[in-house]
mmCIF file of all heavy atoms, coordinates in Angstrom:
data_MODEL
# 
_entry.id   MODEL 
# 
loop_
_atom_site.group_PDB 
_atom_site.id 
_atom_site.type_symbol 
_atom_site.label_atom_id 
_atom_site.label_alt_id 
_atom_site.label_comp_id 
_atom_site.label_asym_id 
_atom_site.label_entity_id 
_atom_site.label_seq_id 
_atom_site.pdbx_PDB_ins_code 
_atom_site.Cartn_x 
_atom_site.Cartn_y 
_atom_site.Cartn_z 
_atom_site.occupancy 
_atom_site.B_iso_or_equiv 
_atom_site.pdbx_formal_charge 
_atom_site.auth_seq_id 
_atom_site.auth_comp_id 
_atom_site.auth_asym_id 
_atom_site.auth_atom_id 
_atom_site.pdbx_PDB_model_num 
ATOM 1   N N   . VAL A 1 1  ? 39.236 24.643 -24.505 1.00 0.00 ? 1  VAL A N   1 
ATOM 2   C CA  . VAL A 1 1  ? 39.625 24.190 -23.182 1.00 0.00 ? 1  VAL A CA  1 
ATOM 3   C C   . VAL A 1 1  ? 39.404 25.317 -22.181 1.00 0.00 ? 1  VAL A C   1 
ATOM 4   O O   . VAL A 1 1  ? 39.705 26.476 -22.459 1.00 0.00 ? 1  VAL A O   1 
ATOM 5   C CB  . VAL A 1 1  ? 41.108 23.751 -23.177 1.00 0.00 ? 1  VAL A CB  1 
ATOM 6   C CG1 . VAL A 1 1  ? 41.586 23.475 -21.773 1.00 0.00 ? 1  VAL A CG1 1 
ATOM 7   C CG2 . VAL A 1 1  ? 41.305 22.537 -24.062 1.00 0.00 ? 1  VAL A CG2 1 
ATOM 8   N N   . ILE A 1 2  ? 38.871 24.961 -21.030 1.00 0.00 ? 2  ILE A N   1 
ATOM 9   C CA  . ILE A 1 2  ? 38.632 25.921 -19.958 1.00 0.00 ? 2  ILE A CA  1 
ATOM 10  C C   . ILE A 1 2  ? 39.760 25.785 -18.948 1.00 0.00 ? 2  ILE A C   1 
ATOM 11  O O   . ILE A 1 2  ? 40.090 24.672 -18.529 1.00 0.00 ? 2  ILE A O   1 
ATOM 12  C CB  . ILE A 1 2  ? 37.286 25.624 -19.259 1.00 0.00 ? 2  ILE A CB  1 
ATOM 13  C CG1 . ILE A 1 2  ? 36.153 25.626 -20.277 1.00 0.00 ? 2  ILE A CG1 1 
ATOM 14  C CG2 . ILE A 1 2  ? 37.033 26.611 -18.131 1.00 0.00 ? 2  ILE A CG2 1 
ATOM 15  C CD1 . ILE A 1 2  ? 34.921 24.906 -19.789 1.00 0.00 ? 2  ILE A CD1 1 
ATOM 16  N N   . HIS A 1 3  ? 40.353 26.894 -18.562 1.00 0.00 ? 3  HIS A N   1 
ATOM 17  C CA  . HIS A 1 3  ? 41.378 26.852 -17.526 1.00 0.00 ? 3  HIS A CA  1 
ATOM 18  C C   . HIS A 1 3  ? 40.668 26.902 -16.181 1.00 0.00 ? 3  HIS A C   1 
ATOM 19  O O   . HIS A 1 3  ? 39.999 27.885 -15.865 1.00 0.00 ? 3  HIS A O   1 
ATOM 20  C CB  . HIS A 1 3  ? 42.395 27.984 -17.720 1.00 0.00 ? 3  HIS A CB  1 
ATOM 21  C CG  . HIS A 1 3  ? 43.174 27.799 -18.982 1.00 0.00 ? 3  HIS A CG  1 
ATOM 22  N ND1 . HIS A 1 3  ? 44.228 26.920 -19.086 1.00 0.00 ? 3  HIS A ND1 1 
ATOM 23  C CD2 . HIS A 1 3  ? 43.014 28.323 -20.212 1.00 0.00 ? 3  HIS A CD2 1 
ATOM 24  C CE1 . HIS A 1 3  ? 44.687 26.925 -20.315 1.00 0.00 ? 3  HIS A CE1 1 
ATOM 25  N NE2 . HIS A 1 3  ? 43.964 27.774 -21.028 1.00 0.00 ? 3  HIS A NE2 1 
ATOM 26  N N   . ILE A 1 4  ? 40.796 25.821 -15.428 1.00 0.00 ? 4  ILE A N   1 
ATOM 27  C CA  . ILE A 1 4  ? 40.072 25.662 -14.173 1.00 0.00 ? 4  ILE A CA  1 
ATOM 28  C C   . ILE A 1 4  ? 40.937 26.139 -13.010 1.00 0.00 ? 4  ILE A C   1 
ATOM 29  O O   . ILE A 1 4  ? 42.109 25.772 -12.901 1.00 0.00 ? 4  ILE A O   1 
ATOM 30  C CB  . ILE A 1 4  ? 39.679 24.182 -13.959 1.00 0.00 ? 4  ILE A CB  1 
ATOM 31  C CG1 . ILE A 1 4  ? 38.820 23.669 -15.128 1.00 0.00 ? 4  ILE A CG1 1 
ATOM 32  C CG2 . ILE A 1 4  ? 38.979 23.992 -12.622 1.00 0.00 ? 4  ILE A CG2 1 
ATOM 33  C CD1 . ILE A 1 4  ? 37.493 24.342 -15.303 1.00 0.00 ? 4  ILE A CD1 1 
ATOM 34  N N   . ASP A 1 5  ? 40.328 26.938 -12.161 1.00 0.00 ? 5  ASP A N   1 
ATOM 35  C CA  . ASP A 1 5  ? 40.985 27.339 -10.920 1.00 0.00 ? 5  ASP A CA  1 
ATOM 36  C C   . ASP A 1 5  ? 39.965 27.246 -9.790  1.00 0.00 ? 5  ASP A C   1 
ATOM 37  O O   . ASP A 1 5  ? 38.809 26.869 -10.024 1.00 0.00 ? 5  ASP A O   1 
ATOM 38  C CB  . ASP A 1 5  ? 41.592 28.747 -11.034 1.00 0.00 ? 5  ASP A CB  1 
ATOM 39  C CG  . ASP A 1 5  ? 40.567 29.815 -11.346 1.00 0.00 ? 5  ASP A CG  1 
ATOM 40  O OD1 . ASP A 1 5  ? 39.394 29.691 -10.930 1.00 0.00 ? 5  ASP A OD1 1 
ATOM 41  O OD2 . ASP A 1 5  ? 40.930 30.809 -12.000 1.00 0.00 ? 5  ASP A OD2 1 
ATOM 42  N N   . ARG A 1 6  ? 40.382 27.585 -8.596  1.00 0.00 ? 6  ARG A N   1 
ATOM 43  C CA  . ARG A 1 6  ? 39.469 27.411 -7.465  1.00 0.00 ? 6  ARG A CA  1 
ATOM 44  C C   . ARG A 1 6  ? 38.266 28.351 -7.553  1.00 0.00 ? 6  ARG A C   1 
ATOM 45  O O   . ARG A 1 6  ? 37.219 28.081 -6.988  1.00 0.00 ? 6  ARG A O   1 
ATOM 46  C CB  . ARG A 1 6  ? 40.208 27.575 -6.147  1.00 0.00 ? 6  ARG A CB  1 
ATOM 47  C CG  . ARG A 1 6  ? 40.700 28.953 -5.871  1.00 0.00 ? 6  ARG A CG  1 
ATOM 48  C CD  . ARG A 1 6  ? 41.323 29.026 -4.472  1.00 0.00 ? 6  ARG A CD  1 
ATOM 49  N NE  . ARG A 1 6  ? 41.571 30.401 -4.122  1.00 0.00 ? 6  ARG A NE  1 
ATOM 50  C CZ  . ARG A 1 6  ? 42.749 30.985 -4.161  1.00 0.00 ? 6  ARG A CZ  1 
ATOM 51  N NH1 . ARG A 1 6  ? 43.805 30.287 -4.522  1.00 0.00 ? 6  ARG A NH1 1 
ATOM 52  N NH2 . ARG A 1 6  ? 42.882 32.245 -3.836  1.00 0.00 ? 6  ARG A NH2 1 
ATOM 53  N N   . ASN A 1 7  ? 38.391 29.454 -8.311  1.00 0.00 ? 7  ASN A N   1 
ATOM 54  C CA  . ASN A 1 7  ? 37.290 30.402 -8.431  1.00 0.00 ? 7  ASN A CA  1 
ATOM 55  C C   . ASN A 1 7  ? 36.185 29.929 -9.372  1.00 0.00 ? 7  ASN A C   1 
ATOM 56  O O   . ASN A 1 7  ? 35.024 30.270 -9.176  1.00 0.00 ? 7  ASN A O   1 
ATOM 57  C CB  . ASN A 1 7  ? 37.809 31.766 -8.898  1.00 0.00 ? 7  ASN A CB  1 
ATOM 58  C CG  . ASN A 1 7  ? 38.766 32.379 -7.895  1.00 0.00 ? 7  ASN A CG  1 
ATOM 59  O OD1 . ASN A 1 7  ? 38.547 32.303 -6.698  1.00 0.00 ? 7  ASN A OD1 1 
ATOM 60  N ND2 . ASN A 1 7  ? 39.846 32.946 -8.394  1.00 0.00 ? 7  ASN A ND2 1 
ATOM 61  N N   . ASN A 1 8  ? 36.535 29.164 -10.411 1.00 0.00 ? 8  ASN A N   1 
ATOM 62  C CA  . ASN A 1 8  ? 35.511 28.724 -11.357 1.00 0.00 ? 8  ASN A CA  1 
ATOM 63  C C   . ASN A 1 8  ? 35.226 27.223 -11.271 1.00 0.00 ? 8  ASN A C   1 
ATOM 64  O O   . ASN A 1 8  ? 34.425 26.704 -12.038 1.00 0.00 ? 8  ASN A O   1 
ATOM 65  C CB  . ASN A 1 8  ? 35.870 29.132 -12.789 1.00 0.00 ? 8  ASN A CB  1 
ATOM 66  C CG  . ASN A 1 8  ? 37.072 28.392 -13.355 1.00 0.00 ? 8  ASN A CG  1 
ATOM 67  O OD1 . ASN A 1 8  ? 37.693 27.553 -12.702 1.00 0.00 ? 8  ASN A OD1 1 
ATOM 68  N ND2 . ASN A 1 8  ? 37.425 28.723 -14.591 1.00 0.00 ? 8  ASN A ND2 1 
ATOM 69  N N   . PHE A 1 9  ? 35.879 26.529 -10.352 1.00 0.00 ? 9  PHE A N   1 
ATOM 70  C CA  . PHE A 1 9  ? 35.725 25.074 -10.266 1.00 0.00 ? 9  PHE A CA  1 
ATOM 71  C C   . PHE A 1 9  ? 34.267 24.651 -10.079 1.00 0.00 ? 9  PHE A C   1 
ATOM 72  O O   . PHE A 1 9  ? 33.764 23.790 -10.786 1.00 0.00 ? 9  PHE A O   1 
ATOM 73  C CB  . PHE A 1 9  ? 36.592 24.509 -9.132  1.00 0.00 ? 9  PHE A CB  1 
ATOM 74  C CG  . PHE A 1 9  ? 36.462 23.023 -8.972  1.00 0.00 ? 9  PHE A CG  1 
ATOM 75  C CD1 . PHE A 1 9  ? 37.090 22.164 -9.844  1.00 0.00 ? 9  PHE A CD1 1 
ATOM 76  C CD2 . PHE A 1 9  ? 35.677 22.488 -7.961  1.00 0.00 ? 9  PHE A CD2 1 
ATOM 77  C CE1 . PHE A 1 9  ? 36.955 20.792 -9.725  1.00 0.00 ? 9  PHE A CE1 1 
ATOM 78  C CE2 . PHE A 1 9  ? 35.538 21.116 -7.819  1.00 0.00 ? 9  PHE A CE2 1 
ATOM 79  C CZ  . PHE A 1 9  ? 36.174 20.269 -8.714  1.00 0.00 ? 9  PHE A CZ  1 
ATOM 80  N N   . ALA A 1 10 ? 33.575 25.256 -9.137  1.00 0.00 ? 10 ALA A N   1 
ATOM 81  C CA  . ALA A 1 10 ? 32.186 24.856 -8.863  1.00 0.00 ? 10 ALA A CA  1 
ATOM 82  C C   . ALA A 1 10 ? 31.300 25.089 -10.080 1.00 0.00 ? 10 ALA A C   1 
ATOM 83  O O   . ALA A 1 10 ? 30.553 24.192 -10.499 1.00 0.00 ? 10 ALA A O   1 
ATOM 84  C CB  . ALA A 1 10 ? 31.644 25.593 -7.647  1.00 0.00 ? 10 ALA A CB  1 
ATOM 85  N N   . SER A 1 11 ? 31.391 26.267 -10.687 1.00 0.00 ? 11 SER A N   1 
ATOM 86  C CA  . SER A 1 11 ? 30.502 26.574 -11.808 1.00 0.00 ? 11 SER A CA  1 
ATOM 87  C C   . SER A 1 11 ? 30.852 25.777 -13.064 1.00 0.00 ? 11 SER A C   1 
ATOM 88  O O   . SER A 1 11 ? 29.960 25.319 -13.776 1.00 0.00 ? 11 SER A O   1 
ATOM 89  C CB  . SER A 1 11 ? 30.525 28.071 -12.119 1.00 0.00 ? 11 SER A CB  1 
ATOM 90  O OG  . SER A 1 11 ? 31.814 28.488 -12.508 1.00 0.00 ? 11 SER A OG  1 
ATOM 91  N N   . GLU A 1 12 ? 32.132 25.588 -13.343 1.00 0.00 ? 12 GLU A N   1 
ATOM 92  C CA  . GLU A 1 12 ? 32.543 24.919 -14.578 1.00 0.00 ? 12 GLU A CA  1 
ATOM 93  C C   . GLU A 1 12 ? 32.560 23.387 -14.474 1.00 0.00 ? 12 GLU A C   1 
ATOM 94  O O   . GLU A 1 12 ? 32.397 22.702 -15.481 1.00 0.00 ? 12 GLU A O   1 
ATOM 95  C CB  . GLU A 1 12 ? 33.932 25.398 -15.014 1.00 0.00 ? 12 GLU A CB  1 
ATOM 96  C CG  . GLU A 1 12 ? 34.002 26.869 -15.349 1.00 0.00 ? 12 GLU A CG  1 
ATOM 97  C CD  . GLU A 1 12 ? 33.282 27.238 -16.633 1.00 0.00 ? 12 GLU A CD  1 
ATOM 98  O OE1 . GLU A 1 12 ? 32.786 26.341 -17.349 1.00 0.00 ? 12 GLU A OE1 1 
ATOM 99  O OE2 . GLU A 1 12 ? 33.207 28.442 -16.924 1.00 0.00 ? 12 GLU A OE2 1 
ATOM 100 N N   . VAL A 1 13 ? 32.788 22.867 -13.273 1.00 0.00 ? 13 VAL A N   1 
ATOM 101 C CA  . VAL A 1 13 ? 32.942 21.414 -13.114 1.00 0.00 ? 13 VAL A CA  1 
ATOM 102 C C   . VAL A 1 13 ? 31.781 20.806 -12.318 1.00 0.00 ? 13 VAL A C   1 
ATOM 103 O O   . VAL A 1 13 ? 31.048 19.967 -12.820 1.00 0.00 ? 13 VAL A O   1 
ATOM 104 C CB  . VAL A 1 13 ? 34.294 21.073 -12.451 1.00 0.00 ? 13 VAL A CB  1 
ATOM 105 C CG1 . VAL A 1 13 ? 34.433 19.568 -12.257 1.00 0.00 ? 13 VAL A CG1 1 
ATOM 106 C CG2 . VAL A 1 13 ? 35.446 21.608 -13.291 1.00 0.00 ? 13 VAL A CG2 1 
ATOM 107 N N   . LEU A 1 14 ? 31.627 21.223 -11.091 1.00 0.00 ? 14 LEU A N   1 
ATOM 108 C CA  . LEU A 1 14 ? 30.628 20.599 -10.217 1.00 0.00 ? 14 LEU A CA  1 
ATOM 109 C C   . LEU A 1 14 ? 29.203 20.786 -10.725 1.00 0.00 ? 14 LEU A C   1 
ATOM 110 O O   . LEU A 1 14 ? 28.372 19.890 -10.602 1.00 0.00 ? 14 LEU A O   1 
ATOM 111 C CB  . LEU A 1 14 ? 30.748 21.135 -8.787  1.00 0.00 ? 14 LEU A CB  1 
ATOM 112 C CG  . LEU A 1 14 ? 32.039 20.789 -8.054  1.00 0.00 ? 14 LEU A CG  1 
ATOM 113 C CD1 . LEU A 1 14 ? 32.010 21.375 -6.644  1.00 0.00 ? 14 LEU A CD1 1 
ATOM 114 C CD2 . LEU A 1 14 ? 32.266 19.288 -8.011  1.00 0.00 ? 14 LEU A CD2 1 
ATOM 115 N N   . HIS A 1 15 ? 28.908 21.949 -11.297 1.00 0.00 ? 15 HIS A N   1 
ATOM 116 C CA  . HIS A 1 15 ? 27.543 22.245 -11.738 1.00 0.00 ? 15 HIS A CA  1 
ATOM 117 C C   . HIS A 1 15 ? 27.364 22.120 -13.250 1.00 0.00 ? 15 HIS A C   1 
ATOM 118 O O   . HIS A 1 15 ? 26.359 22.583 -13.790 1.00 0.00 ? 15 HIS A O   1 
ATOM 119 C CB  . HIS A 1 15 ? 27.132 23.641 -11.265 1.00 0.00 ? 15 HIS A CB  1 
ATOM 120 C CG  . HIS A 1 15 ? 27.222 23.811 -9.783  1.00 0.00 ? 15 HIS A CG  1 
ATOM 121 N ND1 . HIS A 1 15 ? 26.515 23.037 -8.893  1.00 0.00 ? 15 HIS A ND1 1 
ATOM 122 C CD2 . HIS A 1 15 ? 27.965 24.649 -9.032  1.00 0.00 ? 15 HIS A CD2 1 
ATOM 123 C CE1 . HIS A 1 15 ? 26.808 23.396 -7.655  1.00 0.00 ? 15 HIS A CE1 1 
ATOM 124 N NE2 . HIS A 1 15 ? 27.703 24.373 -7.713  1.00 0.00 ? 15 HIS A NE2 1 
ATOM 125 N N   . SER A 1 16 ? 28.304 21.459 -13.909 1.00 0.00 ? 16 SER A N   1 
ATOM 126 C CA  . SER A 1 16 ? 28.224 21.289 -15.360 1.00 0.00 ? 16 SER A CA  1 
ATOM 127 C C   . SER A 1 16 ? 27.109 20.305 -15.707 1.00 0.00 ? 16 SER A C   1 
ATOM 128 O O   . SER A 1 16 ? 26.930 19.285 -15.044 1.00 0.00 ? 16 SER A O   1 
ATOM 129 C CB  . SER A 1 16 ? 29.552 20.759 -15.908 1.00 0.00 ? 16 SER A CB  1 
ATOM 130 O OG  . SER A 1 16 ? 29.420 20.470 -17.287 1.00 0.00 ? 16 SER A OG  1 
ATOM 131 N N   . ASP A 1 17 ? 26.377 20.627 -16.771 1.00 0.00 ? 17 ASP A N   1 
ATOM 132 C CA  . ASP A 1 17 ? 25.334 19.712 -17.249 1.00 0.00 ? 17 ASP A CA  1 
ATOM 133 C C   . ASP A 1 17 ? 25.904 18.663 -18.201 1.00 0.00 ? 17 ASP A C   1 
ATOM 134 O O   . ASP A 1 17 ? 25.189 17.795 -18.668 1.00 0.00 ? 17 ASP A O   1 
ATOM 135 C CB  . ASP A 1 17 ? 24.206 20.498 -17.925 1.00 0.00 ? 17 ASP A CB  1 
ATOM 136 C CG  . ASP A 1 17 ? 24.707 21.347 -19.084 1.00 0.00 ? 17 ASP A CG  1 
ATOM 137 O OD1 . ASP A 1 17 ? 25.933 21.530 -19.218 1.00 0.00 ? 17 ASP A OD1 1 
ATOM 138 O OD2 . ASP A 1 17 ? 23.865 21.832 -19.862 1.00 0.00 ? 17 ASP A OD2 1 
ATOM 139 N N   . LYS A 1 18 ? 27.204 18.732 -18.471 1.00 0.00 ? 18 LYS A N   1 
ATOM 140 C CA  . LYS A 1 18 ? 27.891 17.771 -19.342 1.00 0.00 ? 18 LYS A CA  1 
ATOM 141 C C   . LYS A 1 18 ? 29.008 17.099 -18.547 1.00 0.00 ? 18 LYS A C   1 
ATOM 142 O O   . LYS A 1 18 ? 29.497 17.658 -17.566 1.00 0.00 ? 18 LYS A O   1 
ATOM 143 C CB  . LYS A 1 18 ? 28.516 18.483 -20.542 1.00 0.00 ? 18 LYS A CB  1 
ATOM 144 C CG  . LYS A 1 18 ? 27.529 19.181 -21.435 1.00 0.00 ? 18 LYS A CG  1 
ATOM 145 C CD  . LYS A 1 18 ? 28.258 19.911 -22.547 1.00 0.00 ? 18 LYS A CD  1 
ATOM 146 C CE  . LYS A 1 18 ? 27.274 20.646 -23.436 1.00 0.00 ? 18 LYS A CE  1 
ATOM 147 N NZ  . LYS A 1 18 ? 27.959 21.383 -24.505 1.00 0.00 ? 18 LYS A NZ  1 
ATOM 148 N N   . PRO A 1 19 ? 29.447 15.924 -18.985 1.00 0.00 ? 19 PRO A N   1 
ATOM 149 C CA  . PRO A 1 19 ? 30.644 15.325 -18.368 1.00 0.00 ? 19 PRO A CA  1 
ATOM 150 C C   . PRO A 1 19 ? 31.826 16.281 -18.548 1.00 0.00 ? 19 PRO A C   1 
ATOM 151 O O   . PRO A 1 19 ? 31.896 17.018 -19.533 1.00 0.00 ? 19 PRO A O   1 
ATOM 152 C CB  . PRO A 1 19 ? 30.869 14.036 -19.163 1.00 0.00 ? 19 PRO A CB  1 
ATOM 153 C CG  . PRO A 1 19 ? 29.572 13.759 -19.839 1.00 0.00 ? 19 PRO A CG  1 
ATOM 154 C CD  . PRO A 1 19 ? 28.899 15.081 -20.050 1.00 0.00 ? 19 PRO A CD  1 
ATOM 155 N N   . VAL A 1 20 ? 32.741 16.266 -17.582 1.00 0.00 ? 20 VAL A N   1 
ATOM 156 C CA  . VAL A 1 20 ? 33.909 17.148 -17.621 1.00 0.00 ? 20 VAL A CA  1 
ATOM 157 C C   . VAL A 1 20 ? 35.182 16.313 -17.581 1.00 0.00 ? 20 VAL A C   1 
ATOM 158 O O   . VAL A 1 20 ? 35.351 15.477 -16.688 1.00 0.00 ? 20 VAL A O   1 
ATOM 159 C CB  . VAL A 1 20 ? 33.902 18.131 -16.431 1.00 0.00 ? 20 VAL A CB  1 
ATOM 160 C CG1 . VAL A 1 20 ? 35.110 19.060 -16.502 1.00 0.00 ? 20 VAL A CG1 1 
ATOM 161 C CG2 . VAL A 1 20 ? 32.610 18.941 -16.397 1.00 0.00 ? 20 VAL A CG2 1 
ATOM 162 N N   . LEU A 1 21 ? 36.049 16.533 -18.547 1.00 0.00 ? 21 LEU A N   1 
ATOM 163 C CA  . LEU A 1 21 ? 37.376 15.915 -18.569 1.00 0.00 ? 21 LEU A CA  1 
ATOM 164 C C   . LEU A 1 21 ? 38.352 16.940 -18.021 1.00 0.00 ? 21 LEU A C   1 
ATOM 165 O O   . LEU A 1 21 ? 38.484 18.036 -18.571 1.00 0.00 ? 21 LEU A O   1 
ATOM 166 C CB  . LEU A 1 21 ? 37.766 15.521 -19.998 1.00 0.00 ? 21 LEU A CB  1 
ATOM 167 C CG  . LEU A 1 21 ? 39.207 15.055 -20.215 1.00 0.00 ? 21 LEU A CG  1 
ATOM 168 C CD1 . LEU A 1 21 ? 39.502 13.783 -19.423 1.00 0.00 ? 21 LEU A CD1 1 
ATOM 169 C CD2 . LEU A 1 21 ? 39.484 14.848 -21.700 1.00 0.00 ? 21 LEU A CD2 1 
ATOM 170 N N   . LEU A 1 22 ? 39.009 16.597 -16.915 1.00 0.00 ? 22 LEU A N   1 
ATOM 171 C CA  . LEU A 1 22 ? 40.002 17.484 -16.313 1.00 0.00 ? 22 LEU A CA  1 
ATOM 172 C C   . LEU A 1 22 ? 41.398 16.927 -16.547 1.00 0.00 ? 22 LEU A C   1 
ATOM 173 O O   . LEU A 1 22 ? 41.642 15.744 -16.311 1.00 0.00 ? 22 LEU A O   1 
ATOM 174 C CB  . LEU A 1 22 ? 39.767 17.604 -14.805 1.00 0.00 ? 22 LEU A CB  1 
ATOM 175 C CG  . LEU A 1 22 ? 38.506 18.320 -14.367 1.00 0.00 ? 22 LEU A CG  1 
ATOM 176 C CD1 . LEU A 1 22 ? 38.368 18.232 -12.846 1.00 0.00 ? 22 LEU A CD1 1 
ATOM 177 C CD2 . LEU A 1 22 ? 38.518 19.758 -14.820 1.00 0.00 ? 22 LEU A CD2 1 
ATOM 178 N N   . ASP A 1 23 ? 42.288 17.784 -16.986 1.00 0.00 ? 23 ASP A N   1 
ATOM 179 C CA  . ASP A 1 23 ? 43.691 17.434 -17.187 1.00 0.00 ? 23 ASP A CA  1 
ATOM 180 C C   . ASP A 1 23 ? 44.504 18.179 -16.135 1.00 0.00 ? 23 ASP A C   1 
ATOM 181 O O   . ASP A 1 23 ? 44.602 19.403 -16.178 1.00 0.00 ? 23 ASP A O   1 
ATOM 182 C CB  . ASP A 1 23 ? 44.111 17.855 -18.598 1.00 0.00 ? 23 ASP A CB  1 
ATOM 183 C CG  . ASP A 1 23 ? 45.597 17.676 -18.870 1.00 0.00 ? 23 ASP A CG  1 
ATOM 184 O OD1 . ASP A 1 23 ? 46.256 16.896 -18.143 1.00 0.00 ? 23 ASP A OD1 1 
ATOM 185 O OD2 . ASP A 1 23 ? 46.091 18.307 -19.822 1.00 0.00 ? 23 ASP A OD2 1 
ATOM 186 N N   . PHE A 1 24 ? 45.039 17.440 -15.158 1.00 0.00 ? 24 PHE A N   1 
ATOM 187 C CA  . PHE A 1 24 ? 45.928 18.023 -14.151 1.00 0.00 ? 24 PHE A CA  1 
ATOM 188 C C   . PHE A 1 24 ? 47.337 17.956 -14.712 1.00 0.00 ? 24 PHE A C   1 
ATOM 189 O O   . PHE A 1 24 ? 47.834 16.867 -15.008 1.00 0.00 ? 24 PHE A O   1 
ATOM 190 C CB  . PHE A 1 24 ? 45.824 17.248 -12.833 1.00 0.00 ? 24 PHE A CB  1 
ATOM 191 C CG  . PHE A 1 24 ? 44.529 17.480 -12.115 1.00 0.00 ? 24 PHE A CG  1 
ATOM 192 C CD1 . PHE A 1 24 ? 43.407 16.731 -12.419 1.00 0.00 ? 24 PHE A CD1 1 
ATOM 193 C CD2 . PHE A 1 24 ? 44.430 18.453 -11.133 1.00 0.00 ? 24 PHE A CD2 1 
ATOM 194 C CE1 . PHE A 1 24 ? 42.207 16.941 -11.757 1.00 0.00 ? 24 PHE A CE1 1 
ATOM 195 C CE2 . PHE A 1 24 ? 43.239 18.678 -10.463 1.00 0.00 ? 24 PHE A CE2 1 
ATOM 196 C CZ  . PHE A 1 24 ? 42.126 17.921 -10.777 1.00 0.00 ? 24 PHE A CZ  1 
ATOM 197 N N   . TRP A 1 25 ? 48.004 19.112 -14.844 1.00 0.00 ? 25 TRP A N   1 
ATOM 198 C CA  . TRP A 1 25 ? 49.268 19.196 -15.571 1.00 0.00 ? 25 TRP A CA  1 
ATOM 199 C C   . TRP A 1 25 ? 50.172 20.266 -14.963 1.00 0.00 ? 25 TRP A C   1 
ATOM 200 O O   . TRP A 1 25 ? 49.765 21.011 -14.078 1.00 0.00 ? 25 TRP A O   1 
ATOM 201 C CB  . TRP A 1 25 ? 48.994 19.537 -17.035 1.00 0.00 ? 25 TRP A CB  1 
ATOM 202 C CG  . TRP A 1 25 ? 48.494 20.944 -17.194 1.00 0.00 ? 25 TRP A CG  1 
ATOM 203 C CD1 . TRP A 1 25 ? 47.228 21.393 -16.917 1.00 0.00 ? 25 TRP A CD1 1 
ATOM 204 C CD2 . TRP A 1 25 ? 49.240 22.083 -17.603 1.00 0.00 ? 25 TRP A CD2 1 
ATOM 205 N NE1 . TRP A 1 25 ? 47.146 22.747 -17.144 1.00 0.00 ? 25 TRP A NE1 1 
ATOM 206 C CE2 . TRP A 1 25 ? 48.370 23.200 -17.562 1.00 0.00 ? 25 TRP A CE2 1 
ATOM 207 C CE3 . TRP A 1 25 ? 50.558 22.270 -17.993 1.00 0.00 ? 25 TRP A CE3 1 
ATOM 208 C CZ2 . TRP A 1 25 ? 48.784 24.480 -17.906 1.00 0.00 ? 25 TRP A CZ2 1 
ATOM 209 C CZ3 . TRP A 1 25 ? 50.961 23.548 -18.340 1.00 0.00 ? 25 TRP A CZ3 1 
ATOM 210 C CH2 . TRP A 1 25 ? 50.077 24.635 -18.300 1.00 0.00 ? 25 TRP A CH2 1 
ATOM 211 N N   . ALA A 1 26 ? 51.399 20.324 -15.483 1.00 0.00 ? 26 ALA A N   1 
ATOM 212 C CA  . ALA A 1 26 ? 52.346 21.401 -15.152 1.00 0.00 ? 26 ALA A CA  1 
ATOM 213 C C   . ALA A 1 26 ? 53.207 21.656 -16.382 1.00 0.00 ? 26 ALA A C   1 
ATOM 214 O O   . ALA A 1 26 ? 53.461 20.742 -17.173 1.00 0.00 ? 26 ALA A O   1 
ATOM 215 C CB  . ALA A 1 26 ? 53.211 21.021 -13.954 1.00 0.00 ? 26 ALA A CB  1 
ATOM 216 N N   . SER A 1 27 ? 53.689 22.882 -16.511 1.00 0.00 ? 27 SER A N   1 
ATOM 217 C CA  . SER A 1 27 ? 54.446 23.266 -17.706 1.00 0.00 ? 27 SER A CA  1 
ATOM 218 C C   . SER A 1 27 ? 55.776 22.524 -17.829 1.00 0.00 ? 27 SER A C   1 
ATOM 219 O O   . SER A 1 27 ? 56.277 22.325 -18.929 1.00 0.00 ? 27 SER A O   1 
ATOM 220 C CB  . SER A 1 27 ? 54.685 24.772 -17.713 1.00 0.00 ? 27 SER A CB  1 
ATOM 221 O OG  . SER A 1 27 ? 55.402 25.151 -16.556 1.00 0.00 ? 27 SER A OG  1 
ATOM 222 N N   . TRP A 1 28 ? 56.356 22.087 -16.706 1.00 0.00 ? 28 TRP A N   1 
ATOM 223 C CA  . TRP A 1 28 ? 57.653 21.425 -16.728 1.00 0.00 ? 28 TRP A CA  1 
ATOM 224 C C   . TRP A 1 28 ? 57.546 19.917 -16.979 1.00 0.00 ? 28 TRP A C   1 
ATOM 225 O O   . TRP A 1 28 ? 58.550 19.224 -17.074 1.00 0.00 ? 28 TRP A O   1 
ATOM 226 C CB  . TRP A 1 28 ? 58.374 21.651 -15.393 1.00 0.00 ? 28 TRP A CB  1 
ATOM 227 C CG  . TRP A 1 28 ? 57.493 21.403 -14.206 1.00 0.00 ? 28 TRP A CG  1 
ATOM 228 C CD1 . TRP A 1 28 ? 56.799 22.341 -13.487 1.00 0.00 ? 28 TRP A CD1 1 
ATOM 229 C CD2 . TRP A 1 28 ? 57.185 20.143 -13.605 1.00 0.00 ? 28 TRP A CD2 1 
ATOM 230 N NE1 . TRP A 1 28 ? 56.074 21.740 -12.484 1.00 0.00 ? 28 TRP A NE1 1 
ATOM 231 C CE2 . TRP A 1 28 ? 56.302 20.387 -12.523 1.00 0.00 ? 28 TRP A CE2 1 
ATOM 232 C CE3 . TRP A 1 28 ? 57.569 18.824 -13.857 1.00 0.00 ? 28 TRP A CE3 1 
ATOM 233 C CZ2 . TRP A 1 28 ? 55.787 19.367 -11.721 1.00 0.00 ? 28 TRP A CZ2 1 
ATOM 234 C CZ3 . TRP A 1 28 ? 57.057 17.802 -13.055 1.00 0.00 ? 28 TRP A CZ3 1 
ATOM 235 C CH2 . TRP A 1 28 ? 56.184 18.090 -12.004 1.00 0.00 ? 28 TRP A CH2 1 
ATOM 236 N N   . CYS A 1 29 ? 56.336 19.402 -17.105 1.00 0.00 ? 29 CYS A N   1 
ATOM 237 C CA  . CYS A 1 29 ? 56.084 17.953 -17.203 1.00 0.00 ? 29 CYS A CA  1 
ATOM 238 C C   . CYS A 1 29 ? 56.074 17.511 -18.671 1.00 0.00 ? 29 CYS A C   1 
ATOM 239 O O   . CYS A 1 29 ? 55.182 17.893 -19.420 1.00 0.00 ? 29 CYS A O   1 
ATOM 240 C CB  . CYS A 1 29 ? 54.750 17.660 -16.521 1.00 0.00 ? 29 CYS A CB  1 
ATOM 241 S SG  . CYS A 1 29 ? 54.062 16.036 -16.856 1.00 0.00 ? 29 CYS A SG  1 
ATOM 242 N N   . GLY A 1 30 ? 57.062 16.705 -19.064 1.00 0.00 ? 30 GLY A N   1 
ATOM 243 C CA  . GLY A 1 30 ? 57.151 16.213 -20.442 1.00 0.00 ? 30 GLY A CA  1 
ATOM 244 C C   . GLY A 1 30 ? 55.922 15.436 -20.892 1.00 0.00 ? 30 GLY A C   1 
ATOM 245 O O   . GLY A 1 30 ? 55.360 15.728 -21.955 1.00 0.00 ? 30 GLY A O   1 
# 
């Protein structure tokens, strides 16, 4: 799993040659 932040979003997600599954989450969320 890649930890996505605003610094790597373009390179890891927008310019990916593969489909990207993103999980938006928080540590306090059951």
